[in-house]
Amino acid sequence: MDWRGPTAELEVPLARVRSDAEVEDLLERQLKVSRNDTVEQLKRDPFWVHRPSHELELAAEQGVEEWWKGVRKASMFWRHKPLEVRRQLKRLDLVGVRDFLQVLLDFASGRLEF
């Protein structure tokens, strides 16, 4: 992944995403890229380098637990989050950006005034 982020590989302008179905489609495509990146990061980690690929896939799916002072951190704050947490966070991001872009379009077209 380069500086443009995971959406650079998807070639989908976020401004064109209008419906919830389009958000879900883009979400799943981004999660696929993210999952592959997670597996690659784990392969470079000395703790995971000799593990079988099915364990890497499982870690990408379930996340890698992290602890702080003997207490398990919330999965939202893990370096490698569970797939469902990544899905929820990414969905919030995409819907928020989509809605913000719609407000900008409404404002630019005169349908919305401040």
N, C-alpha and C. Protein backbone atom coordinates (compact mmCIF):
# COMPACT_ATOMS: atom_id res chain seq x y z
N MET A 1 0.85 -1.17 0.00
CA MET A 1 0.00 0.00 0.00
C MET A 1 0.90 1.23 0.00
N ASP A 2 0.58 2.19 -0.83
CA ASP A 2 1.37 3.41 -0.89
C ASP A 2 0.67 4.52 -0.10
N TRP A 3 1.15 5.71 -0.22
CA TRP A 3 0.65 6.85 0.55
C TRP A 3 -0.80 7.19 0.23
N ARG A 4 -1.32 6.71 -0.88
CA ARG A 4 -2.70 7.03 -1.25
C ARG A 4 -3.71 6.20 -0.48
N GLY A 5 -3.26 5.17 0.21
CA GLY A 5 -4.16 4.36 1.02
C GLY A 5 -4.75 3.20 0.25
N PRO A 6 -5.57 2.39 0.92
CA PRO A 6 -6.09 1.18 0.30
C PRO A 6 -7.06 1.43 -0.84
N THR A 7 -7.71 2.59 -0.89
CA THR A 7 -8.66 2.84 -1.96
C THR A 7 -7.98 3.12 -3.29
N ALA A 8 -6.69 3.42 -3.27
CA ALA A 8 -5.98 3.71 -4.51
C ALA A 8 -6.00 2.51 -5.44
N GLU A 9 -5.98 1.31 -4.89
CA GLU A 9 -5.98 0.10 -5.71
C GLU A 9 -7.37 -0.25 -6.23
N LEU A 10 -8.40 0.38 -5.70
CA LEU A 10 -9.77 -0.01 -6.03
C LEU A 10 -10.35 0.76 -7.21
N GLU A 11 -9.77 1.89 -7.52
CA GLU A 11 -10.19 2.70 -8.66
C GLU A 11 -11.67 3.06 -8.62
N VAL A 12 -12.19 3.36 -7.44
CA VAL A 12 -13.58 3.78 -7.29
C VAL A 12 -13.58 5.15 -6.63
N PRO A 13 -13.99 6.19 -7.37
CA PRO A 13 -14.05 7.51 -6.74
C PRO A 13 -15.11 7.51 -5.64
N LEU A 14 -14.71 7.90 -4.47
CA LEU A 14 -15.63 7.89 -3.34
C LEU A 14 -16.80 8.83 -3.57
N ALA A 15 -16.60 9.86 -4.37
CA ALA A 15 -17.68 10.81 -4.64
C ALA A 15 -18.82 10.17 -5.43
N ARG A 16 -18.56 9.06 -6.08
CA ARG A 16 -19.61 8.39 -6.86
C ARG A 16 -20.41 7.38 -6.04
N VAL A 17 -20.00 7.13 -4.83
CA VAL A 17 -20.70 6.17 -3.98
C VAL A 17 -21.92 6.85 -3.38
N ARG A 18 -23.09 6.37 -3.77
CA ARG A 18 -24.34 7.02 -3.33
C ARG A 18 -25.20 6.13 -2.43
N SER A 19 -25.39 4.90 -2.82
CA SER A 19 -26.32 4.03 -2.09
C SER A 19 -25.60 3.20 -1.04
N ASP A 20 -26.39 2.63 -0.14
CA ASP A 20 -25.82 1.75 0.87
C ASP A 20 -25.20 0.51 0.24
N ALA A 21 -25.79 0.04 -0.85
CA ALA A 21 -25.24 -1.13 -1.54
C ALA A 21 -23.85 -0.82 -2.11
N GLU A 22 -23.69 0.37 -2.65
CA GLU A 22 -22.37 0.78 -3.17
C GLU A 22 -21.36 0.92 -2.04
N VAL A 23 -21.82 1.42 -0.90
CA VAL A 23 -20.94 1.52 0.27
C VAL A 23 -20.50 0.12 0.69
N GLU A 24 -21.43 -0.81 0.74
CA GLU A 24 -21.09 -2.18 1.15
C GLU A 24 -20.14 -2.84 0.16
N ASP A 25 -20.34 -2.59 -1.12
CA ASP A 25 -19.45 -3.15 -2.13
C ASP A 25 -18.03 -2.61 -1.96
N LEU A 26 -17.92 -1.30 -1.82
CA LEU A 26 -16.61 -0.68 -1.62
C LEU A 26 -15.99 -1.15 -0.31
N LEU A 27 -16.81 -1.28 0.71
CA LEU A 27 -16.35 -1.75 2.01
C LEU A 27 -15.72 -3.14 1.91
N GLU A 28 -16.40 -4.05 1.26
CA GLU A 28 -15.88 -5.41 1.14
C GLU A 28 -14.59 -5.45 0.31
N ARG A 29 -14.53 -4.62 -0.71
CA ARG A 29 -13.30 -4.58 -1.51
C ARG A 29 -12.14 -4.02 -0.70
N GLN A 30 -12.40 -3.00 0.10
CA GLN A 30 -11.35 -2.44 0.94
C GLN A 30 -10.91 -3.42 2.01
N LEU A 31 -11.87 -4.16 2.57
CA LEU A 31 -11.52 -5.14 3.59
C LEU A 31 -10.67 -6.27 3.02
N LYS A 32 -10.91 -6.62 1.78
CA LYS A 32 -10.09 -7.66 1.14
C LYS A 32 -8.64 -7.19 1.03
N VAL A 33 -8.46 -5.94 0.61
CA VAL A 33 -7.11 -5.37 0.52
C VAL A 33 -6.49 -5.29 1.91
N SER A 34 -7.27 -4.84 2.87
CA SER A 34 -6.80 -4.70 4.24
C SER A 34 -6.40 -6.05 4.83
N ARG A 35 -7.19 -7.06 4.54
CA ARG A 35 -6.89 -8.41 5.05
C ARG A 35 -5.56 -8.91 4.49
N ASN A 36 -5.36 -8.71 3.20
CA ASN A 36 -4.09 -9.12 2.58
C ASN A 36 -2.91 -8.38 3.19
N ASP A 37 -3.10 -7.09 3.45
CA ASP A 37 -2.04 -6.29 4.09
C ASP A 37 -1.74 -6.81 5.50
N THR A 38 -2.79 -7.18 6.23
CA THR A 38 -2.60 -7.71 7.58
C THR A 38 -1.81 -9.00 7.56
N VAL A 39 -2.14 -9.89 6.64
CA VAL A 39 -1.41 -11.16 6.53
C VAL A 39 0.06 -10.89 6.19
N GLU A 40 0.31 -9.95 5.29
CA GLU A 40 1.69 -9.62 4.93
C GLU A 40 2.45 -9.02 6.12
N GLN A 41 1.79 -8.18 6.89
CA GLN A 41 2.44 -7.61 8.08
C GLN A 41 2.77 -8.70 9.09
N LEU A 42 1.85 -9.63 9.27
CA LEU A 42 2.10 -10.72 10.21
C LEU A 42 3.25 -11.61 9.74
N LYS A 43 3.36 -11.82 8.44
CA LYS A 43 4.45 -12.64 7.91
C LYS A 43 5.81 -12.02 8.20
N ARG A 44 5.86 -10.70 8.31
CA ARG A 44 7.13 -10.01 8.59
C ARG A 44 7.44 -9.94 10.09
N ASP A 45 6.46 -10.24 10.92
CA ASP A 45 6.64 -10.20 12.37
C ASP A 45 7.38 -11.46 12.82
N PRO A 46 8.48 -11.32 13.58
CA PRO A 46 9.24 -12.49 14.02
C PRO A 46 8.41 -13.52 14.79
N PHE A 47 7.41 -13.07 15.52
CA PHE A 47 6.56 -13.99 16.27
C PHE A 47 5.69 -14.85 15.35
N TRP A 48 5.35 -14.32 14.18
CA TRP A 48 4.43 -15.01 13.28
C TRP A 48 5.11 -15.62 12.06
N VAL A 49 6.37 -15.31 11.84
CA VAL A 49 7.03 -15.67 10.59
C VAL A 49 7.03 -17.17 10.30
N HIS A 50 7.09 -18.01 11.31
CA HIS A 50 7.15 -19.46 11.09
C HIS A 50 5.80 -20.15 11.29
N ARG A 51 4.78 -19.39 11.46
CA ARG A 51 3.45 -19.98 11.64
C ARG A 51 2.87 -20.42 10.30
N PRO A 52 2.04 -21.45 10.31
CA PRO A 52 1.40 -21.88 9.06
C PRO A 52 0.42 -20.81 8.55
N SER A 53 0.17 -20.85 7.26
CA SER A 53 -0.67 -19.82 6.64
C SER A 53 -2.09 -19.82 7.19
N HIS A 54 -2.62 -20.97 7.59
CA HIS A 54 -3.99 -20.97 8.12
C HIS A 54 -4.07 -20.21 9.45
N GLU A 55 -2.99 -20.20 10.22
CA GLU A 55 -2.98 -19.41 11.45
C GLU A 55 -2.89 -17.92 11.15
N LEU A 56 -2.16 -17.56 10.11
CA LEU A 56 -2.11 -16.15 9.70
C LEU A 56 -3.48 -15.68 9.23
N GLU A 57 -4.15 -16.53 8.47
CA GLU A 57 -5.50 -16.19 7.99
C GLU A 57 -6.46 -16.04 9.17
N LEU A 58 -6.34 -16.94 10.13
CA LEU A 58 -7.20 -16.88 11.31
C LEU A 58 -6.94 -15.60 12.12
N ALA A 59 -5.67 -15.23 12.24
CA ALA A 59 -5.32 -14.00 12.96
C ALA A 59 -5.86 -12.77 12.22
N ALA A 60 -5.83 -12.80 10.90
CA ALA A 60 -6.37 -11.69 10.13
C ALA A 60 -7.88 -11.60 10.30
N GLU A 61 -8.51 -12.74 10.49
CA GLU A 61 -9.97 -12.79 10.66
C GLU A 61 -10.38 -12.39 12.08
N GLN A 62 -9.70 -12.96 13.08
CA GLN A 62 -10.10 -12.76 14.47
C GLN A 62 -9.33 -11.65 15.18
N GLY A 63 -8.28 -11.15 14.55
CA GLY A 63 -7.47 -10.12 15.18
C GLY A 63 -6.43 -10.74 16.10
N VAL A 64 -5.52 -9.90 16.56
CA VAL A 64 -4.47 -10.34 17.47
C VAL A 64 -4.66 -9.58 18.78
N GLU A 65 -4.99 -10.32 19.82
CA GLU A 65 -5.26 -9.70 21.12
C GLU A 65 -4.06 -8.91 21.62
N GLU A 66 -4.36 -7.83 22.31
CA GLU A 66 -3.32 -7.04 22.96
C GLU A 66 -3.74 -6.81 24.41
N TRP A 67 -2.73 -6.74 25.25
CA TRP A 67 -2.95 -6.59 26.69
C TRP A 67 -2.17 -5.39 27.19
N TRP A 68 -2.68 -4.77 28.25
CA TRP A 68 -1.99 -3.64 28.86
C TRP A 68 -2.16 -3.76 30.37
N LYS A 69 -1.05 -3.89 31.05
CA LYS A 69 -1.04 -4.03 32.51
C LYS A 69 -1.97 -5.15 32.98
N GLY A 70 -1.93 -6.26 32.29
CA GLY A 70 -2.71 -7.42 32.68
C GLY A 70 -4.17 -7.38 32.28
N VAL A 71 -4.58 -6.35 31.57
CA VAL A 71 -5.97 -6.22 31.16
C VAL A 71 -6.04 -6.27 29.64
N ARG A 72 -6.95 -7.06 29.14
CA ARG A 72 -7.13 -7.16 27.69
C ARG A 72 -7.69 -5.85 27.15
N LYS A 73 -7.02 -5.29 26.15
CA LYS A 73 -7.48 -4.06 25.54
C LYS A 73 -8.73 -4.33 24.71
N ALA A 74 -9.55 -3.32 24.53
CA ALA A 74 -10.71 -3.44 23.65
C ALA A 74 -10.22 -3.70 22.23
N SER A 75 -10.90 -4.57 21.52
CA SER A 75 -10.44 -4.98 20.19
C SER A 75 -10.35 -3.81 19.21
N MET A 76 -11.06 -2.76 19.47
CA MET A 76 -11.00 -1.58 18.61
C MET A 76 -9.60 -0.95 18.62
N PHE A 77 -8.83 -1.21 19.67
CA PHE A 77 -7.52 -0.59 19.81
C PHE A 77 -6.37 -1.54 19.52
N TRP A 78 -6.67 -2.75 19.07
CA TRP A 78 -5.61 -3.68 18.71
C TRP A 78 -4.94 -3.22 17.43
N ARG A 79 -3.68 -3.53 17.29
CA ARG A 79 -2.96 -3.21 16.05
C ARG A 79 -3.58 -3.97 14.88
N HIS A 80 -3.88 -5.24 15.10
CA HIS A 80 -4.54 -6.07 14.08
C HIS A 80 -5.94 -6.39 14.60
N LYS A 81 -6.89 -5.57 14.18
CA LYS A 81 -8.26 -5.68 14.68
C LYS A 81 -8.99 -6.87 14.05
N PRO A 82 -10.01 -7.39 14.74
CA PRO A 82 -10.84 -8.43 14.14
C PRO A 82 -11.56 -7.89 12.90
N LEU A 83 -11.86 -8.77 11.99
CA LEU A 83 -12.49 -8.38 10.73
C LEU A 83 -13.80 -7.61 10.96
N GLU A 84 -14.61 -8.07 11.89
CA GLU A 84 -15.90 -7.41 12.12
C GLU A 84 -15.71 -5.99 12.66
N VAL A 85 -14.72 -5.78 13.49
CA VAL A 85 -14.44 -4.43 14.01
C VAL A 85 -13.96 -3.53 12.87
N ARG A 86 -13.06 -4.06 12.04
CA ARG A 86 -12.60 -3.28 10.88
C ARG A 86 -13.77 -2.94 9.97
N ARG A 87 -14.68 -3.90 9.79
CA ARG A 87 -15.84 -3.68 8.93
C ARG A 87 -16.71 -2.54 9.48
N GLN A 88 -16.98 -2.57 10.76
CA GLN A 88 -17.83 -1.54 11.36
C GLN A 88 -17.17 -0.16 11.29
N LEU A 89 -15.89 -0.10 11.60
CA LEU A 89 -15.18 1.19 11.57
C LEU A 89 -15.11 1.74 10.15
N LYS A 90 -14.80 0.88 9.19
CA LYS A 90 -14.70 1.33 7.80
C LYS A 90 -16.07 1.76 7.28
N ARG A 91 -17.12 1.05 7.66
CA ARG A 91 -18.47 1.43 7.23
C ARG A 91 -18.82 2.83 7.76
N LEU A 92 -18.50 3.08 9.02
CA LEU A 92 -18.74 4.41 9.58
C LEU A 92 -17.98 5.48 8.81
N ASP A 93 -16.74 5.20 8.47
CA ASP A 93 -15.94 6.16 7.69
C ASP A 93 -16.57 6.43 6.33
N LEU A 94 -16.91 5.37 5.62
CA LEU A 94 -17.44 5.53 4.26
C LEU A 94 -18.78 6.25 4.26
N VAL A 95 -19.65 5.88 5.18
CA VAL A 95 -20.97 6.53 5.24
C VAL A 95 -20.81 8.00 5.63
N GLY A 96 -19.91 8.28 6.57
CA GLY A 96 -19.67 9.66 6.97
C GLY A 96 -19.15 10.52 5.82
N VAL A 97 -18.20 9.98 5.08
CA VAL A 97 -17.65 10.73 3.93
C VAL A 97 -18.72 10.89 2.86
N ARG A 98 -19.47 9.82 2.59
CA ARG A 98 -20.53 9.90 1.58
C ARG A 98 -21.55 10.98 1.95
N ASP A 99 -21.97 10.99 3.21
CA ASP A 99 -22.96 11.97 3.64
C ASP A 99 -22.40 13.39 3.60
N PHE A 100 -21.14 13.54 3.97
CA PHE A 100 -20.51 14.86 3.92
C PHE A 100 -20.42 15.36 2.48
N LEU A 101 -20.04 14.48 1.57
CA LEU A 101 -19.97 14.88 0.17
C LEU A 101 -21.35 15.26 -0.37
N GLN A 102 -22.38 14.57 0.10
CA GLN A 102 -23.74 14.91 -0.33
C GLN A 102 -24.13 16.30 0.17
N VAL A 103 -23.75 16.63 1.39
CA VAL A 103 -24.03 17.97 1.92
C VAL A 103 -23.31 19.03 1.08
N LEU A 104 -22.06 18.75 0.72
CA LEU A 104 -21.32 19.69 -0.13
C LEU A 104 -22.00 19.87 -1.48
N LEU A 105 -22.46 18.78 -2.08
CA LEU A 105 -23.16 18.87 -3.36
C LEU A 105 -24.46 19.65 -3.23
N ASP A 106 -25.19 19.39 -2.15
CA ASP A 106 -26.45 20.12 -1.93
C ASP A 106 -26.18 21.61 -1.74
N PHE A 107 -25.13 21.92 -1.02
CA PHE A 107 -24.78 23.32 -0.80
C PHE A 107 -24.36 23.99 -2.11
N ALA A 108 -23.55 23.29 -2.89
CA ALA A 108 -23.07 23.85 -4.16
C ALA A 108 -24.20 24.05 -5.16
N SER A 109 -25.20 23.19 -5.11
CA SER A 109 -26.30 23.29 -6.07
C SER A 109 -27.41 24.23 -5.59
N GLY A 110 -27.28 24.74 -4.38
CA GLY A 110 -28.27 25.68 -3.87
C GLY A 110 -29.44 25.03 -3.15
N ARG A 111 -29.43 23.71 -3.03
CA ARG A 111 -30.52 23.03 -2.33
C ARG A 111 -30.39 23.15 -0.82
N LEU A 112 -29.23 23.60 -0.37
CA LEU A 112 -28.98 23.73 1.06
C LEU A 112 -28.33 25.08 1.30
N GLU A 113 -28.82 25.77 2.32
CA GLU A 113 -28.24 27.07 2.66
C GLU A 113 -27.88 27.08 4.13
N PHE A 114 -26.87 27.86 4.44
CA PHE A 114 -26.47 28.00 5.84
C PHE A 114 -26.95 29.30 6.39
